[in-house]
Amino acid sequence: MKLQFKHQKFQADAAKAVCDVFAGQPYLTPSYMMDKGNTLTFLDQGYYTGFGNAKFISELNDAKILENIKKNSARQPN
């Protein structure tokens, strides 16, 4: 069985709306160490990758996020 996905504009619009809430947050690729714990088997070692979230910049505070939400809401059709 092969899965086939259609591009759904409403899904793309929804994803963009969520991203627009955090407009102003720079995209960063941080490097960090990860504690793998003792749950990995020998075969998992080398294939284990993790991703972290960048810390919010101070300019992106609650007031700015609310402003972004209001801007985005104003653009949406009723």
N, C-alpha and C. Protein backbone atom coordinates (compact mmCIF):
# COMPACT_ATOMS: atom_id res chain seq x y z
N MET A 1 0.84 -1.17 0.00
CA MET A 1 0.00 0.00 0.00
C MET A 1 0.89 1.24 0.00
N LYS A 2 0.58 2.17 -0.86
CA LYS A 2 1.34 3.41 -0.95
C LYS A 2 0.42 4.57 -0.56
N LEU A 3 0.87 5.36 0.39
CA LEU A 3 0.08 6.51 0.82
C LEU A 3 0.24 7.66 -0.17
N GLN A 4 -0.84 8.29 -0.50
CA GLN A 4 -0.80 9.45 -1.37
C GLN A 4 -1.48 10.61 -0.65
N PHE A 5 -0.78 11.72 -0.57
CA PHE A 5 -1.30 12.88 0.13
C PHE A 5 -1.59 13.99 -0.88
N LYS A 6 -2.69 14.66 -0.66
CA LYS A 6 -3.03 15.81 -1.48
C LYS A 6 -2.64 17.07 -0.72
N HIS A 7 -2.25 18.09 -1.44
CA HIS A 7 -1.98 19.38 -0.81
C HIS A 7 -3.32 20.02 -0.51
N GLN A 8 -3.56 20.28 0.75
CA GLN A 8 -4.82 20.90 1.18
C GLN A 8 -4.50 22.34 1.59
N LYS A 9 -5.02 23.30 0.84
CA LYS A 9 -4.71 24.71 1.10
C LYS A 9 -5.08 25.10 2.53
N PHE A 10 -6.22 24.61 3.03
CA PHE A 10 -6.63 25.00 4.38
C PHE A 10 -5.63 24.50 5.43
N GLN A 11 -4.98 23.35 5.18
CA GLN A 11 -3.97 22.86 6.11
C GLN A 11 -2.71 23.72 6.05
N ALA A 12 -2.31 24.10 4.84
CA ALA A 12 -1.14 24.96 4.69
C ALA A 12 -1.41 26.33 5.33
N ASP A 13 -2.62 26.85 5.15
CA ASP A 13 -2.98 28.14 5.75
C ASP A 13 -2.96 28.05 7.28
N ALA A 14 -3.44 26.95 7.82
CA ALA A 14 -3.45 26.78 9.28
C ALA A 14 -2.03 26.70 9.83
N ALA A 15 -1.16 25.98 9.15
CA ALA A 15 0.23 25.87 9.60
C ALA A 15 0.92 27.23 9.54
N LYS A 16 0.67 27.99 8.48
CA LYS A 16 1.26 29.33 8.36
C LYS A 16 0.75 30.24 9.46
N ALA A 17 -0.55 30.14 9.79
CA ALA A 17 -1.12 30.98 10.85
C ALA A 17 -0.44 30.72 12.18
N VAL A 18 -0.16 29.47 12.47
CA VAL A 18 0.53 29.14 13.73
C VAL A 18 1.95 29.72 13.72
N CYS A 19 2.64 29.58 12.60
CA CYS A 19 4.01 30.11 12.50
C CYS A 19 4.01 31.63 12.61
N ASP A 20 2.99 32.28 12.05
CA ASP A 20 2.90 33.74 12.10
C ASP A 20 2.76 34.28 13.51
N VAL A 21 2.23 33.47 14.42
CA VAL A 21 2.11 33.89 15.83
C VAL A 21 3.49 34.19 16.40
N PHE A 22 4.49 33.47 15.94
CA PHE A 22 5.84 33.61 16.48
C PHE A 22 6.75 34.42 15.54
N ALA A 23 6.15 35.25 14.71
CA ALA A 23 6.92 36.12 13.81
C ALA A 23 7.88 36.97 14.64
N GLY A 24 9.12 37.04 14.21
CA GLY A 24 10.14 37.78 14.95
C GLY A 24 11.12 36.87 15.65
N GLN A 25 10.72 35.63 15.88
CA GLN A 25 11.63 34.66 16.51
C GLN A 25 12.60 34.19 15.43
N PRO A 26 13.90 34.43 15.60
CA PRO A 26 14.84 34.00 14.57
C PRO A 26 14.97 32.49 14.52
N TYR A 27 15.29 31.99 13.35
CA TYR A 27 15.54 30.56 13.18
C TYR A 27 16.99 30.30 13.55
N LEU A 28 17.19 29.42 14.50
CA LEU A 28 18.54 29.08 14.95
C LEU A 28 18.72 27.58 14.88
N THR A 29 19.93 27.15 14.62
CA THR A 29 20.27 25.74 14.67
C THR A 29 21.24 25.54 15.83
N PRO A 30 20.71 25.29 17.01
CA PRO A 30 21.59 25.15 18.17
C PRO A 30 22.31 23.80 18.16
N SER A 31 23.45 23.79 18.79
CA SER A 31 24.13 22.51 19.00
C SER A 31 24.13 22.27 20.51
N TYR A 32 23.92 21.05 20.87
CA TYR A 32 23.86 20.72 22.28
C TYR A 32 24.14 19.24 22.47
N MET A 33 24.40 18.87 23.71
CA MET A 33 24.62 17.47 24.06
C MET A 33 23.29 16.89 24.52
N MET A 34 23.06 15.63 24.22
CA MET A 34 21.84 14.99 24.65
C MET A 34 22.18 13.79 25.51
N ASP A 35 21.47 13.65 26.62
CA ASP A 35 21.65 12.49 27.47
C ASP A 35 20.78 11.37 26.90
N LYS A 36 21.40 10.34 26.35
CA LYS A 36 20.67 9.25 25.74
C LYS A 36 20.13 8.27 26.77
N GLY A 37 20.55 8.39 28.00
CA GLY A 37 20.09 7.48 29.03
C GLY A 37 20.58 6.07 28.79
N ASN A 38 19.92 5.11 29.39
CA ASN A 38 20.34 3.72 29.21
C ASN A 38 19.27 2.90 28.51
N THR A 39 18.40 3.55 27.73
CA THR A 39 17.30 2.85 27.08
C THR A 39 17.62 2.40 25.66
N LEU A 40 18.79 2.79 25.13
CA LEU A 40 19.14 2.43 23.76
C LEU A 40 19.83 1.08 23.70
N THR A 41 19.54 0.36 22.64
CA THR A 41 20.26 -0.89 22.42
C THR A 41 21.51 -0.59 21.61
N PHE A 42 22.36 -1.56 21.43
CA PHE A 42 23.59 -1.38 20.67
C PHE A 42 23.27 -0.95 19.24
N LEU A 43 22.21 -1.47 18.65
CA LEU A 43 21.87 -1.15 17.27
C LEU A 43 21.37 0.29 17.12
N ASP A 44 20.80 0.88 18.19
CA ASP A 44 20.29 2.25 18.13
C ASP A 44 21.39 3.29 18.17
N GLN A 45 22.56 2.95 18.67
CA GLN A 45 23.60 3.93 18.93
C GLN A 45 23.99 4.65 17.65
N GLY A 46 24.24 5.50 17.16
CA GLY A 46 24.59 6.13 15.93
C GLY A 46 23.41 6.64 15.13
N TYR A 47 22.23 6.15 15.42
CA TYR A 47 21.05 6.59 14.66
C TYR A 47 20.14 7.47 15.52
N TYR A 48 20.59 7.81 16.69
CA TYR A 48 19.76 8.56 17.64
C TYR A 48 20.04 10.04 17.51
N THR A 49 19.07 10.82 17.06
CA THR A 49 19.23 12.26 16.87
C THR A 49 18.09 12.97 17.58
N GLY A 50 18.36 14.12 18.12
CA GLY A 50 17.32 14.89 18.78
C GLY A 50 17.35 16.33 18.33
N PHE A 51 16.27 17.04 18.55
CA PHE A 51 16.16 18.43 18.17
C PHE A 51 15.65 19.22 19.37
N GLY A 52 16.16 20.41 19.55
CA GLY A 52 15.71 21.24 20.66
C GLY A 52 15.06 22.51 20.16
N ASN A 53 14.27 23.11 20.99
CA ASN A 53 13.64 24.38 20.65
C ASN A 53 14.56 25.53 21.07
N ALA A 54 14.65 26.54 20.21
CA ALA A 54 15.44 27.72 20.55
C ALA A 54 14.70 28.51 21.63
N LYS A 55 15.44 29.15 22.50
CA LYS A 55 14.81 29.99 23.51
C LYS A 55 14.20 31.20 22.84
N PHE A 56 13.07 31.66 23.38
CA PHE A 56 12.43 32.85 22.84
C PHE A 56 13.31 34.06 23.06
N ILE A 57 13.36 34.95 22.08
CA ILE A 57 14.09 36.19 22.26
C ILE A 57 13.27 37.10 23.16
N SER A 58 13.90 38.00 23.87
CA SER A 58 13.19 38.84 24.83
C SER A 58 12.18 39.77 24.16
N GLU A 59 12.43 40.13 22.90
CA GLU A 59 11.49 41.01 22.19
C GLU A 59 10.18 40.29 21.87
N LEU A 60 10.19 38.97 21.87
CA LEU A 60 8.99 38.20 21.57
C LEU A 60 8.31 37.84 22.89
N ASN A 61 7.72 38.84 23.52
CA ASN A 61 7.07 38.64 24.80
C ASN A 61 5.57 38.40 24.59
N ASP A 62 4.83 38.27 25.67
CA ASP A 62 3.39 37.98 25.59
C ASP A 62 2.65 39.04 24.79
N ALA A 63 3.01 40.31 24.97
CA ALA A 63 2.33 41.39 24.27
C ALA A 63 2.56 41.29 22.76
N LYS A 64 3.77 40.96 22.34
CA LYS A 64 4.08 40.83 20.91
C LYS A 64 3.37 39.62 20.32
N ILE A 65 3.32 38.52 21.05
CA ILE A 65 2.61 37.33 20.57
C ILE A 65 1.13 37.63 20.42
N LEU A 66 0.55 38.34 21.40
CA LEU A 66 -0.87 38.72 21.30
C LEU A 66 -1.10 39.63 20.10
N GLU A 67 -0.19 40.57 19.86
CA GLU A 67 -0.29 41.45 18.69
C GLU A 67 -0.26 40.62 17.40
N ASN A 68 0.63 39.64 17.34
CA ASN A 68 0.71 38.77 16.16
C ASN A 68 -0.58 37.98 15.97
N ILE A 69 -1.17 37.51 17.06
CA ILE A 69 -2.43 36.77 16.98
C ILE A 69 -3.54 37.67 16.44
N LYS A 70 -3.59 38.90 16.96
CA LYS A 70 -4.63 39.83 16.50
C LYS A 70 -4.45 40.18 15.02
N LYS A 71 -3.20 40.38 14.59
CA LYS A 71 -2.94 40.66 13.17
C LYS A 71 -3.41 39.50 12.31
N ASN A 72 -3.07 38.29 12.74
CA ASN A 72 -3.42 37.10 11.98
C ASN A 72 -4.94 36.91 11.95
N SER A 73 -5.60 37.16 13.07
CA SER A 73 -7.05 37.01 13.13
C SER A 73 -7.75 38.01 12.23
N ALA A 74 -7.19 39.19 12.13
CA ALA A 74 -7.80 40.23 11.28
C ALA A 74 -7.72 39.86 9.81
N ARG A 75 -6.72 39.06 9.43
CA ARG A 75 -6.55 38.67 8.02
C ARG A 75 -7.45 37.51 7.64
N GLN A 76 -7.95 36.77 8.62
CA GLN A 76 -8.73 35.58 8.33
C GLN A 76 -10.16 35.96 7.91
N PRO A 77 -10.67 35.33 6.84
CA PRO A 77 -12.06 35.59 6.44
C PRO A 77 -13.01 34.96 7.44
N ASN A 78 -14.18 35.55 7.60
CA ASN A 78 -15.17 35.00 8.55
C ASN A 78 -15.94 33.87 7.94
